[in-house]
Amino acid sequence: IGEVHLYVGALIFFLTTSFLCGISQSMGELVIFRTLQGLAAAPLFPM
């Protein structure tokens, strides 16, 4: 998909999961959203 699209897409996904982490109502929800946030953050440094 290209470096720029991947970097921007990862940033948007990261922001979305950050918001979901903040509104989590249970530990189960928070762990799930933190898992997704970690996936979203993965491309940011190498890209």
PDB file of all heavy atoms in Angstrom:
ATOM      1  N   ILE A   1       0.803  -1.227   0.000  1.00  0.00           N
ATOM      2  CA  ILE A   1       0.000   0.000   0.000  1.00  0.00           C
ATOM      3  C   ILE A   1       0.837   1.279   0.000  1.00  0.00           C
ATOM      4  O   ILE A   1       0.279   2.370  -0.153  1.00  0.00           O
ATOM      5  CB  ILE A   1      -0.970   0.029   1.208  1.00  0.00           C
ATOM      6  CG1 ILE A   1      -0.193   0.092   2.526  1.00  0.00           C
ATOM      7  CG2 ILE A   1      -1.884  -1.185   1.191  1.00  0.00           C
ATOM      8  CD1 ILE A   1      -1.082   0.212   3.756  1.00  0.00           C
ATOM      9  N   GLY A   2       2.146   1.159   0.177  1.00  0.00           N
ATOM     10  CA  GLY A   2       3.009   2.343   0.164  1.00  0.00           C
ATOM     11  C   GLY A   2       3.336   2.819   1.565  1.00  0.00           C
ATOM     12  O   GLY A   2       2.539   2.681   2.490  1.00  0.00           O
ATOM     13  N   GLU A   3       4.521   3.405   1.700  1.00  0.00           N
ATOM     14  CA  GLU A   3       4.985   3.853   3.011  1.00  0.00           C
ATOM     15  C   GLU A   3       4.102   4.944   3.607  1.00  0.00           C
ATOM     16  O   GLU A   3       3.783   4.926   4.791  1.00  0.00           O
ATOM     17  CB  GLU A   3       6.438   4.365   2.927  1.00  0.00           C
ATOM     18  CG  GLU A   3       7.461   3.296   2.607  1.00  0.00           C
ATOM     19  CD  GLU A   3       7.778   3.241   1.117  1.00  0.00           C
ATOM     20  OE1 GLU A   3       6.920   3.679   0.298  1.00  0.00           O
ATOM     21  OE2 GLU A   3       8.864   2.760   0.748  1.00  0.00           O
ATOM     22  N   VAL A   4       3.695   5.912   2.771  1.00  0.00           N
ATOM     23  CA  VAL A   4       2.886   7.025   3.283  1.00  0.00           C
ATOM     24  C   VAL A   4       1.521   6.533   3.729  1.00  0.00           C
ATOM     25  O   VAL A   4       1.040   6.871   4.820  1.00  0.00           O
ATOM     26  CB  VAL A   4       2.742   8.128   2.209  1.00  0.00           C
ATOM     27  CG1 VAL A   4       1.821   9.237   2.716  1.00  0.00           C
ATOM     28  CG2 VAL A   4       4.104   8.700   1.846  1.00  0.00           C
ATOM     29  N   HIS A   5       0.862   5.737   2.889  1.00  0.00           N
ATOM     30  CA  HIS A   5      -0.462   5.214   3.244  1.00  0.00           C
ATOM     31  C   HIS A   5      -0.397   4.354   4.499  1.00  0.00           C
ATOM     32  O   HIS A   5      -1.294   4.413   5.352  1.00  0.00           O
ATOM     33  CB  HIS A   5      -1.039   4.409   2.079  1.00  0.00           C
ATOM     34  CG  HIS A   5      -1.419   5.249   0.902  1.00  0.00           C
ATOM     35  ND1 HIS A   5      -1.539   4.748  -0.374  1.00  0.00           N
ATOM     36  CD2 HIS A   5      -1.690   6.565   0.804  1.00  0.00           C
ATOM     37  CE1 HIS A   5      -1.872   5.720  -1.206  1.00  0.00           C
ATOM     38  NE2 HIS A   5      -1.970   6.838  -0.512  1.00  0.00           N
ATOM     39  N   LEU A   6       0.652   3.550   4.622  1.00  0.00           N
ATOM     40  CA  LEU A   6       0.786   2.707   5.800  1.00  0.00           C
ATOM     41  C   LEU A   6       1.010   3.555   7.046  1.00  0.00           C
ATOM     42  O   LEU A   6       0.382   3.314   8.092  1.00  0.00           O
ATOM     43  CB  LEU A   6       1.950   1.727   5.616  1.00  0.00           C
ATOM     44  CG  LEU A   6       2.276   0.844   6.827  1.00  0.00           C
ATOM     45  CD1 LEU A   6       1.064   0.013   7.232  1.00  0.00           C
ATOM     46  CD2 LEU A   6       3.463  -0.073   6.525  1.00  0.00           C
ATOM     47  N   TYR A   7       1.870   4.566   6.946  1.00  0.00           N
ATOM     48  CA  TYR A   7       2.163   5.403   8.108  1.00  0.00           C
ATOM     49  C   TYR A   7       0.919   6.166   8.565  1.00  0.00           C
ATOM     50  O   TYR A   7       0.576   6.173   9.754  1.00  0.00           O
ATOM     51  CB  TYR A   7       3.291   6.382   7.768  1.00  0.00           C
ATOM     52  CG  TYR A   7       3.838   7.111   8.971  1.00  0.00           C
ATOM     53  CD1 TYR A   7       4.735   6.484   9.826  1.00  0.00           C
ATOM     54  CD2 TYR A   7       3.462   8.413   9.259  1.00  0.00           C
ATOM     55  CE1 TYR A   7       5.245   7.131  10.928  1.00  0.00           C
ATOM     56  CE2 TYR A   7       3.965   9.076  10.366  1.00  0.00           C
ATOM     57  CZ  TYR A   7       4.858   8.429  11.198  1.00  0.00           C
ATOM     58  OH  TYR A   7       5.345   9.088  12.302  1.00  0.00           O
ATOM     59  N   VAL A   8       0.222   6.770   7.604  1.00  0.00           N
ATOM     60  CA  VAL A   8      -0.981   7.532   7.957  1.00  0.00           C
ATOM     61  C   VAL A   8      -2.084   6.604   8.460  1.00  0.00           C
ATOM     62  O   VAL A   8      -2.776   6.905   9.447  1.00  0.00           O
ATOM     63  CB  VAL A   8      -1.460   8.354   6.741  1.00  0.00           C
ATOM     64  CG1 VAL A   8      -2.827   8.979   7.026  1.00  0.00           C
ATOM     65  CG2 VAL A   8      -0.447   9.436   6.401  1.00  0.00           C
ATOM     66  N   GLY A   9      -2.254   5.463   7.790  1.00  0.00           N
ATOM     67  CA  GLY A   9      -3.270   4.513   8.239  1.00  0.00           C
ATOM     68  C   GLY A   9      -2.995   4.000   9.639  1.00  0.00           C
ATOM     69  O   GLY A   9      -3.916   3.868  10.457  1.00  0.00           O
ATOM     70  N   ALA A  10      -1.721   3.726   9.923  1.00  0.00           N
ATOM     71  CA  ALA A  10      -1.355   3.273  11.263  1.00  0.00           C
ATOM     72  C   ALA A  10      -1.623   4.360  12.304  1.00  0.00           C
ATOM     73  O   ALA A  10      -2.096   4.066  13.414  1.00  0.00           O
ATOM     74  CB  ALA A  10       0.122   2.866  11.293  1.00  0.00           C
ATOM     75  N   LEU A  11      -1.341   5.610  11.941  1.00  0.00           N
ATOM     76  CA  LEU A  11      -1.618   6.716  12.865  1.00  0.00           C
ATOM     77  C   LEU A  11      -3.107   6.836  13.167  1.00  0.00           C
ATOM     78  O   LEU A  11      -3.509   6.999  14.327  1.00  0.00           O
ATOM     79  CB  LEU A  11      -1.112   8.036  12.271  1.00  0.00           C
ATOM     80  CG  LEU A  11       0.322   8.465  12.602  1.00  0.00           C
ATOM     81  CD1 LEU A  11       0.651   9.759  11.885  1.00  0.00           C
ATOM     82  CD2 LEU A  11       0.522   8.620  14.098  1.00  0.00           C
ATOM     83  N   ILE A  12      -3.931   6.759  12.133  1.00  0.00           N
ATOM     84  CA  ILE A  12      -5.386   6.864  12.334  1.00  0.00           C
ATOM     85  C   ILE A  12      -5.894   5.704  13.187  1.00  0.00           C
ATOM     86  O   ILE A  12      -6.715   5.882  14.098  1.00  0.00           O
ATOM     87  CB  ILE A  12      -6.112   6.912  10.974  1.00  0.00           C
ATOM     88  CG1 ILE A  12      -5.741   8.203  10.224  1.00  0.00           C
ATOM     89  CG2 ILE A  12      -7.621   6.815  11.152  1.00  0.00           C
ATOM     90  CD1 ILE A  12      -6.265   8.265   8.810  1.00  0.00           C
ATOM     91  N   PHE A  13      -5.415   4.491  12.891  1.00  0.00           N
ATOM     92  CA  PHE A  13      -5.797   3.319  13.672  1.00  0.00           C
ATOM     93  C   PHE A  13      -5.337   3.480  15.121  1.00  0.00           C
ATOM     94  O   PHE A  13      -6.044   3.119  16.069  1.00  0.00           O
ATOM     95  CB  PHE A  13      -5.181   2.077  13.034  1.00  0.00           C
ATOM     96  CG  PHE A  13      -5.635   0.766  13.620  1.00  0.00           C
ATOM     97  CD1 PHE A  13      -6.855   0.646  14.269  1.00  0.00           C
ATOM     98  CD2 PHE A  13      -4.825  -0.364  13.517  1.00  0.00           C
ATOM     99  CE1 PHE A  13      -7.267  -0.571  14.809  1.00  0.00           C
ATOM    100  CE2 PHE A  13      -5.218  -1.575  14.052  1.00  0.00           C
ATOM    101  CZ  PHE A  13      -6.443  -1.671  14.704  1.00  0.00           C
ATOM    102  N   PHE A  14      -4.146   4.044  15.314  1.00  0.00           N
ATOM    103  CA  PHE A  14      -3.607   4.269  16.648  1.00  0.00           C
ATOM    104  C   PHE A  14      -4.474   5.255  17.437  1.00  0.00           C
ATOM    105  O   PHE A  14      -4.754   5.050  18.622  1.00  0.00           O
ATOM    106  CB  PHE A  14      -2.178   4.797  16.528  1.00  0.00           C
ATOM    107  CG  PHE A  14      -1.461   4.980  17.838  1.00  0.00           C
ATOM    108  CD1 PHE A  14      -0.883   3.906  18.488  1.00  0.00           C
ATOM    109  CD2 PHE A  14      -1.362   6.237  18.419  1.00  0.00           C
ATOM    110  CE1 PHE A  14      -0.218   4.066  19.692  1.00  0.00           C
ATOM    111  CE2 PHE A  14      -0.707   6.413  19.626  1.00  0.00           C
ATOM    112  CZ  PHE A  14      -0.129   5.322  20.265  1.00  0.00           C
ATOM    113  N   LEU A  15      -4.903   6.321  16.781  1.00  0.00           N
ATOM    114  CA  LEU A  15      -5.763   7.309  17.449  1.00  0.00           C
ATOM    115  C   LEU A  15      -7.110   6.703  17.820  1.00  0.00           C
ATOM    116  O   LEU A  15      -7.651   6.955  18.906  1.00  0.00           O
ATOM    117  CB  LEU A  15      -5.974   8.521  16.534  1.00  0.00           C
ATOM    118  CG  LEU A  15      -4.730   9.303  16.126  1.00  0.00           C
ATOM    119  CD1 LEU A  15      -5.123  10.501  15.266  1.00  0.00           C
ATOM    120  CD2 LEU A  15      -3.958   9.761  17.347  1.00  0.00           C
ATOM    121  N   THR A  16      -7.666   5.907  16.919  1.00  0.00           N
ATOM    122  CA  THR A  16      -8.951   5.270  17.183  1.00  0.00           C
ATOM    123  C   THR A  16      -8.863   4.339  18.382  1.00  0.00           C
ATOM    124  O   THR A  16      -9.718   4.366  19.280  1.00  0.00           O
ATOM    125  CB  THR A  16      -9.422   4.481  15.945  1.00  0.00           C
ATOM    126  OG1 THR A  16      -9.486   5.359  14.820  1.00  0.00           O
ATOM    127  CG2 THR A  16     -10.792   3.864  16.179  1.00  0.00           C
ATOM    128  N   THR A  17      -7.831   3.509  18.406  1.00  0.00           N
ATOM    129  CA  THR A  17      -7.685   2.578  19.524  1.00  0.00           C
ATOM    130  C   THR A  17      -7.328   3.304  20.823  1.00  0.00           C
ATOM    131  O   THR A  17      -7.694   2.842  21.906  1.00  0.00           O
ATOM    132  CB  THR A  17      -6.609   1.517  19.208  1.00  0.00           C
ATOM    133  OG1 THR A  17      -5.393   2.157  18.788  1.00  0.00           O
ATOM    134  CG2 THR A  17      -7.088   0.588  18.102  1.00  0.00           C
ATOM    135  N   SER A  18      -6.640   4.429  20.732  1.00  0.00           N
ATOM    136  CA  SER A  18      -6.367   5.228  21.939  1.00  0.00           C
ATOM    137  C   SER A  18      -7.665   5.722  22.552  1.00  0.00           C
ATOM    138  O   SER A  18      -7.850   5.678  23.781  1.00  0.00           O
ATOM    139  CB  SER A  18      -5.460   6.419  21.597  1.00  0.00           C
ATOM    140  OG  SER A  18      -4.187   5.999  21.190  1.00  0.00           O
ATOM    141  N   PHE A  19      -8.570   6.199  21.698  1.00  0.00           N
ATOM    142  CA  PHE A  19      -9.885   6.651  22.188  1.00  0.00           C
ATOM    143  C   PHE A  19     -10.655   5.494  22.820  1.00  0.00           C
ATOM    144  O   PHE A  19     -11.258   5.640  23.892  1.00  0.00           O
ATOM    145  CB  PHE A  19     -10.680   7.253  21.027  1.00  0.00           C
ATOM    146  CG  PHE A  19     -12.095   7.623  21.397  1.00  0.00           C
ATOM    147  CD1 PHE A  19     -12.354   8.761  22.152  1.00  0.00           C
ATOM    148  CD2 PHE A  19     -13.159   6.829  20.997  1.00  0.00           C
ATOM    149  CE1 PHE A  19     -13.654   9.096  22.504  1.00  0.00           C
ATOM    150  CE2 PHE A  19     -14.456   7.157  21.340  1.00  0.00           C
ATOM    151  CZ  PHE A  19     -14.717   8.296  22.096  1.00  0.00           C
ATOM    152  N   LEU A  20     -10.620   4.330  22.167  1.00  0.00           N
ATOM    153  CA  LEU A  20     -11.331   3.168  22.696  1.00  0.00           C
ATOM    154  C   LEU A  20     -10.733   2.715  24.026  1.00  0.00           C
ATOM    155  O   LEU A  20     -11.473   2.280  24.920  1.00  0.00           O
ATOM    156  CB  LEU A  20     -11.288   2.022  21.677  1.00  0.00           C
ATOM    157  CG  LEU A  20     -12.068   2.270  20.374  1.00  0.00           C
ATOM    158  CD1 LEU A  20     -11.809   1.145  19.378  1.00  0.00           C
ATOM    159  CD2 LEU A  20     -13.564   2.401  20.664  1.00  0.00           C
ATOM    160  N   CYS A  21      -9.417   2.806  24.166  1.00  0.00           N
ATOM    161  CA  CYS A  21      -8.788   2.486  25.455  1.00  0.00           C
ATOM    162  C   CYS A  21      -9.304   3.413  26.552  1.00  0.00           C
ATOM    163  O   CYS A  21      -9.580   2.986  27.678  1.00  0.00           O
ATOM    164  CB  CYS A  21      -7.266   2.602  25.355  1.00  0.00           C
ATOM    165  SG  CYS A  21      -6.448   1.273  24.441  1.00  0.00           S
ATOM    166  N   GLY A  22      -9.436   4.695  26.218  1.00  0.00           N
ATOM    167  CA  GLY A  22      -9.862   5.678  27.208  1.00  0.00           C
ATOM    168  C   GLY A  22     -11.290   5.513  27.675  1.00  0.00           C
ATOM    169  O   GLY A  22     -11.615   5.896  28.802  1.00  0.00           O
ATOM    170  N   ILE A  23     -12.152   4.939  26.824  1.00  0.00           N
ATOM    171  CA  ILE A  23     -13.569   4.783  27.210  1.00  0.00           C
ATOM    172  C   ILE A  23     -13.883   3.356  27.653  1.00  0.00           C
ATOM    173  O   ILE A  23     -15.052   3.019  27.858  1.00  0.00           O
ATOM    174  CB  ILE A  23     -14.509   5.188  26.046  1.00  0.00           C
ATOM    175  CG1 ILE A  23     -14.311   4.255  24.846  1.00  0.00           C
ATOM    176  CG2 ILE A  23     -14.297   6.647  25.652  1.00  0.00           C
ATOM    177  CD1 ILE A  23     -15.336   4.482  23.732  1.00  0.00           C
ATOM    178  N   SER A  24     -12.851   2.528  27.813  1.00  0.00           N
ATOM    179  CA  SER A  24     -13.075   1.139  28.233  1.00  0.00           C
ATOM    180  C   SER A  24     -13.724   1.103  29.614  1.00  0.00           C
ATOM    181  O   SER A  24     -13.374   1.868  30.506  1.00  0.00           O
ATOM    182  CB  SER A  24     -11.749   0.373  28.265  1.00  0.00           C
ATOM    183  OG  SER A  24     -11.173   0.312  26.985  1.00  0.00           O
ATOM    184  N   GLN A  25     -14.665   0.175  29.762  1.00  0.00           N
ATOM    185  CA  GLN A  25     -15.399   0.042  31.014  1.00  0.00           C
ATOM    186  C   GLN A  25     -15.010  -1.195  31.817  1.00  0.00           C
ATOM    187  O   GLN A  25     -15.510  -1.387  32.922  1.00  0.00           O
ATOM    188  CB  GLN A  25     -16.910  -0.003  30.717  1.00  0.00           C
ATOM    189  CG  GLN A  25     -17.442   1.246  30.049  1.00  0.00           C
ATOM    190  CD  GLN A  25     -17.243   2.494  30.899  1.00  0.00           C
ATOM    191  OE1 GLN A  25     -17.625   2.518  32.071  1.00  0.00           O
ATOM    192  NE2 GLN A  25     -16.652   3.525  30.323  1.00  0.00           N
ATOM    193  N   SER A  26     -14.167  -2.040  31.250  1.00  0.00           N
ATOM    194  CA  SER A  26     -13.739  -3.246  31.957  1.00  0.00           C
ATOM    195  C   SER A  26     -12.301  -3.562  31.567  1.00  0.00           C
ATOM    196  O   SER A  26     -11.800  -3.073  30.550  1.00  0.00           O
ATOM    197  CB  SER A  26     -14.646  -4.425  31.620  1.00  0.00           C
ATOM    198  OG  SER A  26     -14.475  -4.819  30.262  1.00  0.00           O
ATOM    199  N   MET A  27     -11.652  -4.401  32.369  1.00  0.00           N
ATOM    200  CA  MET A  27     -10.274  -4.767  32.057  1.00  0.00           C
ATOM    201  C   MET A  27     -10.206  -5.551  30.761  1.00  0.00           C
ATOM    202  O   MET A  27      -9.260  -5.402  29.986  1.00  0.00           O
ATOM    203  CB  MET A  27      -9.681  -5.582  33.215  1.00  0.00           C
ATOM    204  CG  MET A  27      -8.224  -5.985  33.006  1.00  0.00           C
ATOM    205  SD  MET A  27      -7.096  -4.590  32.687  1.00  0.00           S
ATOM    206  CE  MET A  27      -7.133  -3.756  34.278  1.00  0.00           C
ATOM    207  N   GLY A  28     -11.210  -6.395  30.506  1.00  0.00           N
ATOM    208  CA  GLY A  28     -11.248  -7.150  29.260  1.00  0.00           C
ATOM    209  C   GLY A  28     -11.258  -6.241  28.045  1.00  0.00           C
ATOM    210  O   GLY A  28     -10.515  -6.457  27.079  1.00  0.00           O
ATOM    211  N   GLU A  29     -12.096  -5.216  28.077  1.00  0.00           N
ATOM    212  CA  GLU A  29     -12.162  -4.256  26.971  1.00  0.00           C
ATOM    213  C   GLU A  29     -10.825  -3.538  26.811  1.00  0.00           C
ATOM    214  O   GLU A  29     -10.317  -3.378  25.684  1.00  0.00           O
ATOM    215  CB  GLU A  29     -13.264  -3.225  27.228  1.00  0.00           C
ATOM    216  CG  GLU A  29     -14.674  -3.751  27.068  1.00  0.00           C
ATOM    217  CD  GLU A  29     -15.706  -2.656  27.277  1.00  0.00           C
ATOM    218  OE1 GLU A  29     -15.304  -1.467  27.370  1.00  0.00           O
ATOM    219  OE2 GLU A  29     -16.900  -2.973  27.347  1.00  0.00           O
ATOM    220  N   LEU A  30     -10.251  -3.101  27.916  1.00  0.00           N
ATOM    221  CA  LEU A  30      -8.997  -2.338  27.848  1.00  0.00           C
ATOM    222  C   LEU A  30      -7.868  -3.190  27.263  1.00  0.00           C
ATOM    223  O   LEU A  30      -7.076  -2.703  26.440  1.00  0.00           O
ATOM    224  CB  LEU A  30      -8.615  -1.836  29.238  1.00  0.00           C
ATOM    225  CG  LEU A  30      -7.338  -0.986  29.333  1.00  0.00           C
ATOM    226  CD1 LEU A  30      -7.423   0.227  28.409  1.00  0.00           C
ATOM    227  CD2 LEU A  30      -7.103  -0.531  30.776  1.00  0.00           C
ATOM    228  N   VAL A  31      -7.786  -4.454  27.656  1.00  0.00           N
ATOM    229  CA  VAL A  31      -6.736  -5.338  27.136  1.00  0.00           C
ATOM    230  C   VAL A  31      -6.913  -5.553  25.636  1.00  0.00           C
ATOM    231  O   VAL A  31      -5.942  -5.541  24.867  1.00  0.00           O
ATOM    232  CB  VAL A  31      -6.732  -6.682  27.891  1.00  0.00           C
ATOM    233  CG1 VAL A  31      -5.847  -7.706  27.181  1.00  0.00           C
ATOM    234  CG2 VAL A  31      -6.247  -6.488  29.325  1.00  0.00           C
ATOM    235  N   ILE A  32      -8.142  -5.743  25.190  1.00  0.00           N
ATOM    236  CA  ILE A  32      -8.409  -5.924  23.756  1.00  0.00           C
ATOM    237  C   ILE A  32      -7.986  -4.687  22.972  1.00  0.00           C
ATOM    238  O   ILE A  32      -7.297  -4.782  21.945  1.00  0.00           O
ATOM    239  CB  ILE A  32      -9.899  -6.233  23.515  1.00  0.00           C
ATOM    240  CG1 ILE A  32     -10.246  -7.632  24.042  1.00  0.00           C
ATOM    241  CG2 ILE A  32     -10.236  -6.136  22.018  1.00  0.00           C
ATOM    242  CD1 ILE A  32     -11.724  -7.945  24.011  1.00  0.00           C
ATOM    243  N   PHE A  33      -8.369  -3.514  23.458  1.00  0.00           N
ATOM    244  CA  PHE A  33      -8.044  -2.281  22.730  1.00  0.00           C
ATOM    245  C   PHE A  33      -6.551  -1.945  22.815  1.00  0.00           C
ATOM    246  O   PHE A  33      -5.994  -1.376  21.868  1.00  0.00           O
ATOM    247  CB  PHE A  33      -8.895  -1.124  23.252  1.00  0.00           C
ATOM    248  CG  PHE A  33     -10.365  -1.286  22.986  1.00  0.00           C
ATOM    249  CD1 PHE A  33     -11.316  -0.966  23.950  1.00  0.00           C
ATOM    250  CD2 PHE A  33     -10.806  -1.780  21.769  1.00  0.00           C
ATOM    251  CE1 PHE A  33     -12.668  -1.130  23.706  1.00  0.00           C
ATOM    252  CE2 PHE A  33     -12.162  -1.947  21.518  1.00  0.00           C
ATOM    253  CZ  PHE A  33     -13.099  -1.623  22.483  1.00  0.00           C
ATOM    254  N   ARG A  34      -5.903  -2.316  23.925  1.00  0.00           N
ATOM    255  CA  ARG A  34      -4.450  -2.123  24.008  1.00  0.00           C
ATOM    256  C   ARG A  34      -3.726  -3.050  23.032  1.00  0.00           C
ATOM    257  O   ARG A  34      -2.698  -2.688  22.457  1.00  0.00           O
ATOM    258  CB  ARG A  34      -3.963  -2.389  25.430  1.00  0.00           C
ATOM    259  CG  ARG A  34      -4.124  -1.215  26.357  1.00  0.00           C
ATOM    260  CD  ARG A  34      -3.098  -0.117  26.091  1.00  0.00           C
ATOM    261  NE  ARG A  34      -1.784  -0.424  26.653  1.00  0.00           N
ATOM    262  CZ  ARG A  34      -0.731   0.364  26.531  1.00  0.00           C
ATOM    263  NH1 ARG A  34      -0.807   1.483  25.832  1.00  0.00           N
ATOM    264  NH2 ARG A  34       0.432   0.021  27.073  1.00  0.00           N
ATOM    265  N   THR A  35      -4.261  -4.248  22.844  1.00  0.00           N
ATOM    266  CA  THR A  35      -3.694  -5.168  21.860  1.00  0.00           C
ATOM    267  C   THR A  35      -3.773  -4.562  20.470  1.00  0.00           C
ATOM    268  O   THR A  35      -2.791  -4.578  19.705  1.00  0.00           O
ATOM    269  CB  THR A  35      -4.439  -6.510  21.891  1.00  0.00           C
ATOM    270  OG1 THR A  35      -4.343  -7.082  23.203  1.00  0.00           O
ATOM    271  CG2 THR A  35      -3.860  -7.484  20.869  1.00  0.00           C
ATOM    272  N   LEU A  36      -4.930  -3.997  20.127  1.00  0.00           N
ATOM    273  CA  LEU A  36      -5.099  -3.361  18.815  1.00  0.00           C
ATOM    274  C   LEU A  36      -4.222  -2.119  18.703  1.00  0.00           C
ATOM    275  O   LEU A  36      -3.678  -1.821  17.630  1.00  0.00           O
ATOM    276  CB  LEU A  36      -6.577  -2.992  18.605  1.00  0.00           C
ATOM    277  CG  LEU A  36      -7.540  -4.179  18.517  1.00  0.00           C
ATOM    278  CD1 LEU A  36      -8.984  -3.679  18.415  1.00  0.00           C
ATOM    279  CD2 LEU A  36      -7.211  -5.062  17.311  1.00  0.00           C
ATOM    280  N   GLN A  37      -4.064  -1.396  19.803  1.00  0.00           N
ATOM    281  CA  GLN A  37      -3.209  -0.208  19.787  1.00  0.00           C
ATOM    282  C   GLN A  37      -1.752  -0.596  19.533  1.00  0.00           C
ATOM    283  O   GLN A  37      -1.037   0.097  18.799  1.00  0.00           O
ATOM    284  CB  GLN A  37      -3.327   0.538  21.114  1.00  0.00           C
ATOM    285  CG  GLN A  37      -2.634   1.892  21.117  1.00  0.00           C
ATOM    286  CD  GLN A  37      -2.579   2.520  22.496  1.00  0.00           C
ATOM    287  OE1 GLN A  37      -2.377   1.823  23.491  1.00  0.00           O
ATOM    288  NE2 GLN A  37      -2.760   3.829  22.569  1.00  0.00           N
ATOM    289  N   GLY A  38      -1.315  -1.710  20.107  1.00  0.00           N
ATOM    290  CA  GLY A  38       0.042  -2.186  19.860  1.00  0.00           C
ATOM    291  C   GLY A  38       0.259  -2.559  18.406  1.00  0.00           C
ATOM    292  O   GLY A  38       1.313  -2.270  17.829  1.00  0.00           O
ATOM    293  N   LEU A  39      -0.728  -3.192  17.790  1.00  0.00           N
ATOM    294  CA  LEU A  39      -0.640  -3.516  16.364  1.00  0.00           C
ATOM    295  C   LEU A  39      -0.568  -2.251  15.520  1.00  0.00           C
ATOM    296  O   LEU A  39       0.207  -2.165  14.563  1.00  0.00           O
ATOM    297  CB  LEU A  39      -1.852  -4.359  15.936  1.00  0.00           C
ATOM    298  CG  LEU A  39      -1.862  -5.820  16.360  1.00  0.00           C
ATOM    299  CD1 LEU A  39      -3.203  -6.456  15.990  1.00  0.00           C
ATOM    300  CD2 LEU A  39      -0.719  -6.590  15.715  1.00  0.00           C
ATOM    301  N   ALA A  40      -1.393  -1.266  15.886  1.00  0.00           N
ATOM    302  CA  ALA A  40      -1.400  -0.004  15.141  1.00  0.00           C
ATOM    303  C   ALA A  40      -0.062   0.712  15.251  1.00  0.00           C
ATOM    304  O   ALA A  40       0.397   1.357  14.295  1.00  0.00           O
ATOM    305  CB  ALA A  40      -2.525   0.894  15.655  1.00  0.00           C
ATOM    306  N   ALA A  41       0.586   0.608  16.417  1.00  0.00           N
ATOM    307  CA  ALA A  41       1.845   1.323  16.642  1.00  0.00           C
ATOM    308  C   ALA A  41       3.028   0.671  15.947  1.00  0.00           C
ATOM    309  O   ALA A  41       4.049   1.324  15.728  1.00  0.00           O
ATOM    310  CB  ALA A  41       2.121   1.417  18.150  1.00  0.00           C
ATOM    311  N   ALA A  42       2.908  -0.604  15.591  1.00  0.00           N
ATOM    312  CA  ALA A  42       4.052  -1.354  15.063  1.00  0.00           C
ATOM    313  C   ALA A  42       4.722  -0.699  13.853  1.00  0.00           C
ATOM    314  O   ALA A  42       5.951  -0.631  13.784  1.00  0.00           O
ATOM    315  CB  ALA A  42       3.630  -2.789  14.736  1.00  0.00           C
ATOM    316  N   PRO A  43       3.975  -0.215  12.841  1.00  0.00           N
ATOM    317  CA  PRO A  43       4.659   0.338  11.659  1.00  0.00           C
ATOM    318  C   PRO A  43       5.281   1.719  11.865  1.00  0.00           C
ATOM    319  O   PRO A  43       6.052   2.172  11.003  1.00  0.00           O
ATOM    320  CB  PRO A  43       3.533   0.420  10.604  1.00  0.00           C
ATOM    321  CG  PRO A  43       2.404  -0.380  11.144  1.00  0.00           C
ATOM    322  CD  PRO A  43       2.520  -0.304  12.625  1.00  0.00           C
ATOM    323  N   LEU A  44       4.954   2.406  12.947  1.00  0.00           N
ATOM    324  CA  LEU A  44       5.301   3.823  13.049  1.00  0.00           C
ATOM    325  C   LEU A  44       6.811   4.059  13.064  1.00  0.00           C
ATOM    326  O   LEU A  44       7.309   4.924  12.326  1.00  0.00           O
ATOM    327  CB  LEU A  44       4.659   4.431  14.301  1.00  0.00           C
ATOM    328  CG  LEU A  44       3.120   4.478  14.290  1.00  0.00           C
ATOM    329  CD1 LEU A  44       2.589   5.109  15.582  1.00  0.00           C
ATOM    330  CD2 LEU A  44       2.614   5.255  13.083  1.00  0.00           C
ATOM    331  N   PHE A  45       7.555   3.321  13.881  1.00  0.00           N
ATOM    332  CA  PHE A  45       8.997   3.585  13.956  1.00  0.00           C
ATOM    333  C   PHE A  45       9.736   3.167  12.682  1.00  0.00           C
ATOM    334  O   PHE A  45      10.488   3.971  12.120  1.00  0.00           O
ATOM    335  CB  PHE A  45       9.600   2.897  15.184  1.00  0.00           C
ATOM    336  CG  PHE A  45      10.973   3.391  15.523  1.00  0.00           C
ATOM    337  CD1 PHE A  45      11.157   4.472  16.367  1.00  0.00           C
ATOM    338  CD2 PHE A  45      12.106   2.796  14.973  1.00  0.00           C
ATOM    339  CE1 PHE A  45      12.424   4.941  16.680  1.00  0.00           C
ATOM    340  CE2 PHE A  45      13.373   3.252  15.273  1.00  0.00           C
ATOM    341  CZ  PHE A  45      13.533   4.337  16.121  1.00  0.00           C
ATOM    342  N   PRO A  46       9.566   1.932  12.187  1.00  0.00           N
ATOM    343  CA  PRO A  46      10.308   1.580  10.958  1.00  0.00           C
ATOM    344  C   PRO A  46       9.914   2.420   9.753  1.00  0.00           C
ATOM    345  O   PRO A  46      10.771   2.778   8.932  1.00  0.00           O
ATOM    346  CB  PRO A  46       9.972   0.092  10.745  1.00  0.00           C
ATOM    347  CG  PRO A  46       8.785  -0.178  11.584  1.00  0.00           C
ATOM    348  CD  PRO A  46       8.841   0.770  12.724  1.00  0.00           C
ATOM    349  N   MET A  47       8.634   2.761   9.616  1.00  0.00           N
ATOM    350  CA  MET A  47       8.219   3.586   8.475  1.00  0.00           C
ATOM    351  C   MET A  47       8.730   5.015   8.599  1.00  0.00           C
ATOM    352  O   MET A  47       8.997   5.681   7.599  1.00  0.00           O
ATOM    353  CB  MET A  47       6.697   3.581   8.343  1.00  0.00           C
ATOM    354  CG  MET A  47       6.129   2.308   7.741  1.00  0.00           C
ATOM    355  SD  MET A  47       6.791   1.929   6.093  1.00  0.00           S
ATOM    356  CE  MET A  47       8.080   0.730   6.493  1.00  0.00           C
TER     357      MET A  47
END
